[in-house]
């Protein structure tokens, strides 16, 4: 179990990538990580594969018969952009549609280009299993496949390849059914208010505001317990992650 303080992030690298299946996922599940790393000087970028216009926007569709896909997309894009501005990150929209999400080779190579240009130290995306939303594990699959392609010397020879950025799965909505077990906690207490403001941009899914506040509090309790009772840090809010790649270290403390 690893607990990471926001005061120890600077040595991890200078950029990070978040691959989000839908335009709100990055806020609920990694908004604290994004804001915390930005505060430490990281360049953070979010790639939204879709706006979640079909399956993640029920409140918008209930507004009336004159609602259209384009209107929903516009609303979702505006929400995500405002949230990204609050968190301090860049955001790129692939607009691949959702329910179902499908990723072409062209979109895959576009993500590879993002890896090559950004050179991230770590990548955050969804759990590898989610029986309630098949768009989510597909996003993680694409994030990992693009990472491998971006490492290949034979893909666009002459470009700088990426190293081996750590891959972590952020928290799904149904942890047990997704077989997601947090083994890394990030203290987001110093940036919680910023994350909350970003959450409140997601007007189309207002029913999740309180839920993800409770999640942050619960993970805060677990993070504080795992950092030990002698810690001088008062952790109240945290985000949990499931590390998908090995950690290479010089000591096991």
Protein backbone atom coordinates (compact mmCIF):
# COMPACT_ATOMS: atom_id res chain seq x y z
CA UNK A 1 0.00 0.00 0.00
CA UNK A 2 1.43 3.33 -1.06
CA UNK A 3 0.37 6.70 0.33
CA UNK A 4 1.58 9.71 -1.64
CA UNK A 5 1.69 13.19 -0.16
CA UNK A 6 1.11 16.17 -2.41
CA UNK A 7 4.42 17.51 -1.07
CA UNK A 8 6.47 14.62 -2.53
CA UNK A 9 5.26 14.66 -6.13
CA UNK A 10 7.87 16.86 -7.75
CA UNK A 11 10.38 14.02 -8.14
CA UNK A 12 7.89 11.85 -10.05
CA UNK A 13 8.16 13.72 -13.34
CA UNK A 14 6.79 16.81 -15.00
CA UNK A 15 3.70 15.69 -16.90
CA UNK A 16 0.78 13.32 -16.52
CA UNK A 17 -1.95 11.98 -18.79
CA UNK A 18 -5.55 11.11 -17.91
CA UNK A 19 -7.57 9.06 -20.41
CA UNK A 20 -11.27 9.51 -19.66
CA UNK A 21 -13.98 7.50 -21.40
CA UNK A 22 -16.54 10.26 -20.93
CA UNK A 23 -16.30 13.98 -20.30
CA UNK A 24 -17.03 13.86 -16.55
CA UNK A 25 -15.11 10.74 -15.52
CA UNK A 26 -11.81 12.56 -14.99
CA UNK A 27 -13.44 14.97 -12.55
CA UNK A 28 -15.03 12.42 -10.22
CA UNK A 29 -12.15 10.00 -10.21
CA UNK A 30 -8.95 11.99 -10.72
CA UNK A 31 -9.75 15.67 -10.20
CA UNK A 32 -7.73 15.75 -7.00
CA UNK A 33 -4.72 14.08 -8.60
CA UNK A 34 -4.83 16.53 -11.48
CA UNK A 35 -5.03 19.61 -9.22
CA UNK A 36 -2.35 18.30 -6.83
CA UNK A 37 0.12 17.63 -9.62
CA UNK A 38 -0.56 20.98 -11.26
CA UNK A 39 0.32 22.64 -7.95
CA UNK A 40 3.64 20.81 -8.02
CA UNK A 41 4.47 22.13 -11.47
CA UNK A 42 3.30 19.23 -13.60
CA UNK A 43 1.77 19.73 -17.01
CA UNK A 44 -1.45 17.71 -16.83
CA UNK A 45 -3.52 16.71 -19.84
CA UNK A 46 -6.90 14.99 -20.07
CA UNK A 47 -8.05 13.15 -23.18
CA UNK A 48 -11.83 12.68 -23.24
CA UNK A 49 -12.63 9.90 -25.68
CA UNK A 50 -16.32 10.86 -25.74
CA UNK A 51 -18.71 13.42 -24.29
CA UNK A 52 -20.91 10.72 -22.77
CA UNK A 53 -23.81 12.22 -24.68
CA UNK A 54 -25.86 9.03 -24.94
CA UNK A 55 -25.35 7.14 -21.73
CA UNK A 56 -24.08 9.71 -19.23
CA UNK A 57 -26.46 12.63 -19.79
CA UNK A 58 -29.91 11.53 -18.62
CA UNK A 59 -30.68 14.84 -16.90
CA UNK A 60 -30.03 16.75 -20.11
CA UNK A 61 -32.19 14.42 -22.21
CA UNK A 62 -35.09 14.88 -19.79
CA UNK A 63 -35.20 18.63 -20.46
CA UNK A 64 -37.56 18.23 -23.40
CA UNK A 65 -38.29 16.84 -26.84
CA UNK A 66 -36.23 19.55 -28.55
CA UNK A 67 -33.00 18.21 -27.01
CA UNK A 68 -30.55 16.93 -29.63
CA UNK A 69 -27.28 15.03 -29.59
CA UNK A 70 -25.40 18.18 -30.60
CA UNK A 71 -26.98 20.21 -27.81
CA UNK A 72 -26.05 17.54 -25.27
CA UNK A 73 -22.50 17.38 -26.60
CA UNK A 74 -22.17 21.15 -26.34
CA UNK A 75 -23.40 21.17 -22.74
CA UNK A 76 -21.08 18.33 -21.77
CA UNK A 77 -18.09 19.94 -23.50
CA UNK A 78 -18.74 23.23 -21.70
CA UNK A 79 -18.99 21.47 -18.31
CA UNK A 80 -15.75 19.56 -18.88
CA UNK A 81 -13.86 22.61 -20.12
CA UNK A 82 -14.90 24.65 -17.07
CA UNK A 83 -13.84 21.81 -14.78
CA UNK A 84 -10.48 21.48 -16.56
CA UNK A 85 -9.90 25.23 -16.24
CA UNK A 86 -10.56 25.02 -12.49
CA UNK A 87 -8.20 22.06 -12.09
CA UNK A 88 -5.54 23.75 -14.21
CA UNK A 89 -5.18 21.06 -16.86
CA UNK A 90 -5.29 20.87 -20.63
CA UNK A 91 -8.16 18.94 -22.18
CA UNK A 92 -8.61 17.39 -25.63
CA UNK A 93 -11.90 15.97 -26.90
CA UNK A 94 -11.80 13.05 -29.33
CA UNK A 95 -15.62 12.99 -29.76
CA UNK A 96 -15.82 9.23 -30.46
CA UNK A 97 -19.37 8.86 -29.09
CA UNK A 98 -20.40 6.50 -26.31
CA UNK A 99 -22.72 3.59 -25.51
CA UNK A 100 -20.99 2.04 -27.28
CA UNK A 101 -17.55 3.63 -27.36
CA UNK A 102 -15.55 2.46 -30.35
CA UNK A 103 -11.93 3.41 -31.04
CA UNK A 104 -10.58 3.34 -34.58
CA UNK A 105 -6.92 2.96 -35.53
CA UNK A 106 -6.95 6.65 -36.44
CA UNK A 107 -8.09 7.57 -32.92
CA UNK A 108 -5.56 5.17 -31.41
CA UNK A 109 -2.70 6.79 -33.32
CA UNK A 110 -3.99 10.21 -32.29
CA UNK A 111 -3.60 9.12 -28.67
CA UNK A 112 -0.13 7.78 -29.45
CA UNK A 113 0.76 11.24 -30.73
CA UNK A 114 -0.41 12.68 -27.40
CA UNK A 115 1.91 10.29 -25.55
CA UNK A 116 4.86 11.19 -27.75
CA UNK A 117 4.29 14.94 -27.40
CA UNK A 118 3.48 14.92 -23.67
CA UNK A 119 6.02 12.32 -22.50
CA UNK A 120 3.97 11.58 -19.35
CA UNK A 121 5.49 10.24 -16.16
CA UNK A 122 2.21 8.49 -15.34
CA UNK A 123 -1.14 7.65 -16.91
CA UNK A 124 -4.51 7.44 -15.17
CA UNK A 125 -7.53 5.69 -16.63
CA UNK A 126 -10.37 3.33 -15.74
CA UNK A 127 -10.50 -0.11 -14.14
CA UNK A 128 -9.87 -3.03 -16.48
CA UNK A 129 -13.27 -4.52 -15.60
CA UNK A 130 -16.67 -2.84 -15.31
CA UNK A 131 -19.81 -4.92 -15.92
CA UNK A 132 -21.93 -1.76 -15.63
CA UNK A 133 -20.13 0.29 -18.27
CA UNK A 134 -18.09 -1.35 -21.03
CA UNK A 135 -16.82 2.02 -22.26
CA UNK A 136 -14.65 2.27 -19.14
CA UNK A 137 -12.42 -0.83 -19.53
CA UNK A 138 -12.14 -0.09 -23.24
CA UNK A 139 -10.69 3.33 -22.37
CA UNK A 140 -8.07 1.68 -20.15
CA UNK A 141 -7.27 -0.87 -22.85
CA UNK A 142 -6.76 1.92 -25.38
CA UNK A 143 -4.64 3.91 -22.90
CA UNK A 144 -2.35 0.92 -22.37
CA UNK A 145 -2.18 -0.09 -26.04
CA UNK A 146 -1.34 3.46 -27.10
CA UNK A 147 1.38 3.52 -24.43
CA UNK A 148 3.00 0.42 -25.93
CA UNK A 149 2.82 1.80 -29.47
CA UNK A 150 4.34 5.07 -28.27
CA UNK A 151 7.31 3.05 -26.96
CA UNK A 152 7.92 1.37 -30.32
CA UNK A 153 10.95 2.67 -32.20
CA UNK A 154 9.38 1.56 -35.48
CA UNK A 155 6.30 3.74 -35.09
CA UNK A 156 7.12 7.03 -36.85
CA UNK A 157 10.90 6.43 -36.71
CA UNK A 158 12.89 9.44 -35.62
CA UNK A 159 10.35 10.66 -33.07
CA UNK A 160 11.20 10.52 -29.39
CA UNK A 161 9.63 7.40 -27.89
CA UNK A 162 8.13 7.34 -24.41
CA UNK A 163 9.72 5.50 -21.53
CA UNK A 164 7.59 3.38 -19.21
CA UNK A 165 5.08 5.72 -17.56
CA UNK A 166 3.32 4.24 -14.56
CA UNK A 167 -0.28 3.21 -15.26
CA UNK A 168 -2.88 3.50 -12.49
CA UNK A 169 -6.59 2.74 -12.55
CA UNK A 170 -8.72 5.33 -10.80
CA UNK A 171 -11.79 4.38 -8.79
CA UNK A 172 -14.84 2.91 -10.55
CA UNK A 173 -18.38 3.43 -9.34
CA UNK A 174 -18.85 -0.20 -8.25
CA UNK A 175 -15.50 -1.24 -6.85
CA UNK A 176 -16.27 -4.82 -5.83
CA UNK A 177 -17.95 -5.78 -9.10
CA UNK A 178 -15.05 -4.24 -11.02
CA UNK A 179 -12.48 -6.19 -8.96
CA UNK A 180 -10.72 -2.91 -8.25
CA UNK A 181 -8.54 -2.83 -5.13
CA UNK A 182 -6.81 0.43 -4.17
CA UNK A 183 -3.11 -0.03 -3.45
CA UNK A 184 -2.15 3.64 -3.75
CA UNK A 185 -3.71 6.59 -1.96
CA UNK A 186 -3.13 10.23 -2.83
CA UNK A 187 -3.76 12.88 -0.20
CA UNK A 188 -5.89 15.54 -1.93
CA UNK A 189 -6.86 17.48 1.21
CA UNK A 190 -4.92 20.63 0.13
CA UNK A 191 -6.76 20.72 -3.23
CA UNK A 192 -10.16 19.37 -2.19
CA UNK A 193 -11.99 22.69 -2.57
CA UNK A 194 -10.73 22.97 -6.12
CA UNK A 195 -11.89 19.45 -6.93
CA UNK A 196 -15.29 20.21 -5.40
CA UNK A 197 -15.67 23.30 -7.61
CA UNK A 198 -14.84 21.13 -10.63
CA UNK A 199 -17.38 18.52 -9.52
CA UNK A 200 -20.03 21.24 -9.29
CA UNK A 201 -19.45 22.06 -12.97
CA UNK A 202 -20.97 18.69 -13.84
CA UNK A 203 -24.59 19.88 -13.77
CA UNK A 204 -25.72 17.02 -15.99
CA UNK A 205 -24.83 14.51 -13.26
CA UNK A 206 -25.64 16.42 -10.10
CA UNK A 207 -26.73 13.20 -8.40
CA UNK A 208 -23.05 12.18 -8.17
CA UNK A 209 -21.76 15.27 -6.34
CA UNK A 210 -22.49 13.94 -2.85
CA UNK A 211 -21.49 10.39 -3.76
CA UNK A 212 -17.96 11.34 -4.78
CA UNK A 213 -17.61 13.60 -1.76
CA UNK A 214 -18.30 10.55 0.42
CA UNK A 215 -15.79 8.52 -1.59
CA UNK A 216 -13.09 11.14 -1.00
CA UNK A 217 -13.80 11.16 2.72
CA UNK A 218 -13.69 7.36 2.92
CA UNK A 219 -10.42 7.15 1.03
CA UNK A 220 -9.09 9.90 3.30
CA UNK A 221 -9.76 7.73 6.34
CA UNK A 222 -7.99 4.79 4.70
CA UNK A 223 -5.04 6.92 3.60
CA UNK A 224 -4.56 8.33 7.09
CA UNK A 225 -4.69 4.85 8.61
CA UNK A 226 -2.07 3.54 6.19
CA UNK A 227 0.32 6.44 6.64
CA UNK A 228 0.47 5.72 10.36
CA UNK A 229 -0.68 7.43 13.54
CA UNK A 230 2.64 9.28 13.93
CA UNK A 231 2.15 11.27 10.72
CA UNK A 232 1.90 15.01 11.21
CA UNK A 233 -0.31 15.32 8.14
CA UNK A 234 -4.04 15.55 8.75
CA UNK A 235 -5.47 13.70 5.78
CA UNK A 236 -9.18 14.28 5.32
CA UNK A 237 -9.70 13.70 1.60
CA UNK A 238 -7.92 11.24 -0.67
CA UNK A 239 -8.22 9.46 -3.99
CA UNK A 240 -7.52 5.77 -4.39
CA UNK A 241 -5.76 4.14 -7.33
CA UNK A 242 -4.95 0.59 -8.39
CA UNK A 243 -1.42 0.51 -9.75
CA UNK A 244 -1.25 -1.58 -12.94
CA UNK A 245 2.51 -1.46 -13.51
CA UNK A 246 5.39 -2.50 -11.23
CA UNK A 247 7.17 -0.05 -8.98
CA UNK A 248 10.97 0.04 -9.24
CA UNK A 249 12.62 1.32 -6.08
CA UNK A 250 15.81 1.33 -4.06
CA UNK A 251 14.20 0.49 -0.74
CA UNK A 252 10.90 -1.02 0.37
CA UNK A 253 9.97 1.45 3.10
